[in-house]
Amino acid sequence: MVKETIKESRMVHTGRYLKVRVDRVKVGSGEHVYDLVLHPGAVAILPVTPDGRILLEKQYRHALGQTILEIPAGTLEEGETPEDCAKRELMEETGYRPIHLIKLGVVYTAPGYSNERIHLFYAKVIKEKGGPAPEPDETITVGSYTMSHVSSMVRRGLLLDSKSLSALFIAERLGLVRL
């Protein structure tokens, strides 16, 4: 086990959701500088309709400069439980409500430079009246896909989002979906 000692730590940016901190750390006989992205945590939900279809979103992601396909997800609000966040985000982004929610686990998105944890859920869902109500900065198109179509997209490299792939593979391993 490596013994680290923080020699200096300074916050260099505080944004809407993220903070960036720079730490100077003594590691063994040397020093290293870490740029760390601090995140409040998030949820991602693998929603499955009563007829066994998976809901996926097409959403433009500025960091990538493109629209990608992914499962619904969102950032935890202060004091919010992951379960409550999952229910809120699912309704906001898809207009569906979970009737059964199962926690699949937690993944770290990029532990080399970020503390972000995403709580993954599987949800049996039903459509609610009124439809989705995404945030003003979100442009989301929700689609309903058969398991075989999702499986084909994974094989062909069309589904590249890590939280979506993680949720799918964990749910498959637990026998909740069959790809």
Protein backbone atom coordinates (compact mmCIF):
# COMPACT_ATOMS: atom_id res chain seq x y z
CA MET A 1 0.00 0.00 0.00
CA VAL A 2 1.38 3.41 -1.04
CA LYS A 3 1.51 6.07 1.66
CA GLU A 4 0.55 9.52 0.38
CA THR A 5 0.75 12.84 2.21
CA ILE A 6 -1.02 15.91 0.85
CA LYS A 7 1.45 18.80 0.96
CA GLU A 8 -0.81 21.42 -0.64
CA SER A 9 -4.41 21.48 -1.85
CA ARG A 10 -6.13 24.37 -3.60
CA MET A 11 -9.48 24.79 -5.30
CA VAL A 12 -8.92 26.29 -8.75
CA HIS A 13 -12.47 26.21 -10.12
CA THR A 14 -16.01 25.98 -8.75
CA GLY A 15 -18.69 25.51 -11.37
CA ARG A 16 -22.37 24.63 -11.48
CA TYR A 17 -21.80 20.92 -10.72
CA LEU A 18 -18.06 20.40 -10.72
CA LYS A 19 -15.10 21.64 -8.76
CA VAL A 20 -11.47 21.30 -9.78
CA ARG A 21 -8.83 20.95 -7.09
CA VAL A 22 -5.07 20.69 -7.51
CA ASP A 23 -3.23 18.62 -4.91
CA ARG A 24 0.53 18.40 -4.44
CA VAL A 25 1.17 15.01 -2.88
CA LYS A 26 4.24 13.33 -1.42
CA VAL A 27 4.34 9.75 -2.69
CA GLY A 28 7.22 7.66 -1.37
CA SER A 29 10.39 9.68 -1.95
CA GLY A 30 8.86 11.90 -4.66
CA GLU A 31 6.04 14.34 -5.27
CA HIS A 32 3.18 14.35 -7.74
CA VAL A 33 0.62 16.98 -8.72
CA TYR A 34 -2.95 15.76 -9.23
CA ASP A 35 -5.67 17.70 -11.04
CA LEU A 36 -8.90 16.38 -9.52
CA VAL A 37 -12.47 16.82 -10.75
CA LEU A 38 -14.83 16.73 -7.77
CA HIS A 39 -18.41 15.71 -8.49
CA PRO A 40 -21.48 15.40 -6.20
CA GLY A 41 -22.38 11.99 -7.63
CA ALA A 42 -25.01 10.85 -10.09
CA VAL A 43 -27.49 8.15 -10.99
CA ALA A 44 -28.20 6.23 -14.18
CA ILE A 45 -31.31 4.16 -14.78
CA LEU A 46 -31.85 1.21 -17.12
CA PRO A 47 -35.62 1.55 -17.75
CA VAL A 48 -37.56 -1.45 -19.07
CA THR A 49 -41.17 -1.10 -20.22
CA PRO A 50 -43.91 -3.67 -19.46
CA ASP A 51 -43.42 -5.18 -22.94
CA GLY A 52 -39.67 -5.66 -22.30
CA ARG A 53 -38.31 -2.74 -24.32
CA ILE A 54 -35.41 -0.59 -23.11
CA LEU A 55 -35.73 3.19 -23.10
CA LEU A 56 -32.65 4.99 -24.41
CA GLU A 57 -32.06 8.69 -24.95
CA LYS A 58 -30.39 10.50 -27.81
CA GLN A 59 -28.75 13.51 -26.22
CA TYR A 60 -26.27 16.07 -27.50
CA ARG A 61 -23.12 16.09 -25.36
CA HIS A 62 -21.10 19.28 -25.72
CA ALA A 63 -17.88 17.68 -24.42
CA LEU A 64 -18.03 15.20 -27.31
CA GLY A 65 -19.47 17.59 -29.89
CA GLN A 66 -22.03 14.99 -30.89
CA THR A 67 -25.28 13.30 -30.01
CA ILE A 68 -24.96 9.94 -28.29
CA LEU A 69 -27.29 7.18 -27.16
CA GLU A 70 -27.46 6.53 -23.41
CA ILE A 71 -29.71 5.52 -20.54
CA PRO A 72 -31.38 8.29 -18.48
CA ALA A 73 -29.07 9.80 -15.88
CA GLY A 74 -28.57 12.86 -13.73
CA THR A 75 -26.67 14.54 -10.95
CA LEU A 76 -27.58 14.11 -7.30
CA GLU A 77 -28.94 17.24 -5.65
CA GLU A 78 -27.69 18.14 -2.17
CA GLY A 79 -29.31 15.87 0.43
CA GLU A 80 -31.05 13.73 -2.20
CA THR A 81 -30.87 9.94 -1.98
CA PRO A 82 -29.78 8.04 -5.10
CA GLU A 83 -33.21 6.34 -5.22
CA ASP A 84 -35.09 9.66 -5.13
CA CYS A 85 -32.74 11.11 -7.76
CA ALA A 86 -33.33 8.07 -10.00
CA LYS A 87 -37.12 8.52 -9.76
CA ARG A 88 -36.86 12.27 -10.43
CA GLU A 89 -34.49 11.96 -13.39
CA LEU A 90 -36.50 9.15 -14.96
CA MET A 91 -39.69 11.24 -14.86
CA GLU A 92 -37.99 14.45 -16.02
CA GLU A 93 -36.14 12.91 -18.94
CA THR A 94 -38.54 10.21 -20.16
CA GLY A 95 -42.01 10.81 -18.72
CA TYR A 96 -41.94 7.28 -17.27
CA ARG A 97 -42.30 6.36 -13.59
CA PRO A 98 -40.58 3.40 -11.96
CA ILE A 99 -42.90 0.77 -10.51
CA HIS A 100 -39.96 -1.38 -9.43
CA LEU A 101 -36.44 -0.05 -8.80
CA ILE A 102 -33.41 -2.28 -8.18
CA LYS A 103 -29.97 -0.94 -7.34
CA LEU A 104 -27.39 -2.57 -9.61
CA GLY A 105 -24.33 -1.07 -7.92
CA VAL A 106 -21.96 1.88 -8.11
CA VAL A 107 -19.29 2.68 -10.68
CA TYR A 108 -16.50 5.25 -10.67
CA THR A 109 -16.39 7.00 -14.03
CA ALA A 110 -12.74 8.06 -14.11
CA PRO A 111 -10.95 7.30 -10.81
CA GLY A 112 -7.61 8.55 -12.15
CA TYR A 113 -8.78 12.15 -11.96
CA SER A 114 -12.35 12.28 -10.62
CA ASN A 115 -14.28 11.16 -7.55
CA GLU A 116 -17.57 10.88 -9.50
CA ARG A 117 -19.68 7.88 -8.46
CA ILE A 118 -22.67 6.82 -10.49
CA HIS A 119 -25.35 4.76 -8.75
CA LEU A 120 -26.80 2.36 -11.32
CA PHE A 121 -30.43 1.23 -11.23
CA TYR A 122 -32.69 -1.13 -13.11
CA ALA A 123 -36.32 0.01 -13.31
CA LYS A 124 -39.56 -1.54 -14.51
CA VAL A 125 -41.42 1.54 -15.76
CA ILE A 126 -44.84 2.77 -16.84
CA LYS A 127 -45.75 5.85 -18.89
CA GLU A 128 -47.14 8.79 -16.92
CA LYS A 129 -49.51 11.45 -18.20
CA GLY A 130 -47.86 14.70 -19.17
CA GLY A 131 -44.65 13.35 -20.63
CA PRO A 132 -41.05 14.37 -19.97
CA ALA A 133 -39.93 17.75 -18.61
CA PRO A 134 -36.17 17.97 -19.24
CA GLU A 135 -33.96 20.77 -17.94
CA PRO A 136 -33.72 23.85 -20.21
CA ASP A 137 -30.18 22.88 -21.31
CA GLU A 138 -31.17 19.31 -22.24
CA THR A 139 -32.22 18.28 -25.73
CA ILE A 140 -33.36 14.68 -25.35
CA THR A 141 -35.17 12.31 -27.69
CA VAL A 142 -36.41 9.13 -26.00
CA GLY A 143 -36.62 5.90 -27.96
CA SER A 144 -37.92 2.44 -27.10
CA TYR A 145 -35.75 -0.47 -28.26
CA THR A 146 -36.07 -4.25 -28.23
CA MET A 147 -33.41 -6.20 -26.35
CA SER A 148 -32.14 -7.65 -29.64
CA HIS A 149 -31.80 -4.16 -31.12
CA VAL A 150 -29.84 -2.96 -28.06
CA SER A 151 -27.66 -6.06 -28.23
CA SER A 152 -26.97 -5.37 -31.91
CA MET A 153 -26.05 -1.75 -31.16
CA VAL A 154 -23.60 -2.90 -28.48
CA ARG A 155 -21.97 -5.45 -30.82
CA ARG A 156 -21.66 -2.89 -33.62
CA GLY A 157 -20.10 -0.26 -31.32
CA LEU A 158 -23.06 2.14 -31.58
CA LEU A 159 -23.62 2.31 -27.82
CA LEU A 160 -20.44 3.72 -26.31
CA ASP A 161 -21.59 5.39 -23.09
CA SER A 162 -19.86 3.67 -20.15
CA LYS A 163 -22.68 4.06 -17.61
CA SER A 164 -25.16 2.57 -20.09
CA LEU A 165 -22.90 -0.37 -20.92
CA SER A 166 -22.17 -0.96 -17.23
CA ALA A 167 -25.87 -1.00 -16.32
CA LEU A 168 -26.71 -3.31 -19.22
CA PHE A 169 -23.96 -5.81 -18.44
CA ILE A 170 -24.66 -5.85 -14.69
CA ALA A 171 -28.41 -6.26 -15.31
CA GLU A 172 -27.66 -9.10 -17.73
CA ARG A 173 -25.34 -10.77 -15.21
CA LEU A 174 -28.11 -10.54 -12.57
CA GLY A 175 -30.63 -12.09 -14.98
CA LEU A 176 -32.75 -8.93 -15.26
CA VAL A 177 -32.26 -8.55 -19.03
CA ARG A 178 -31.10 -10.86 -21.77
CA LEU A 179 -29.01 -9.29 -24.51
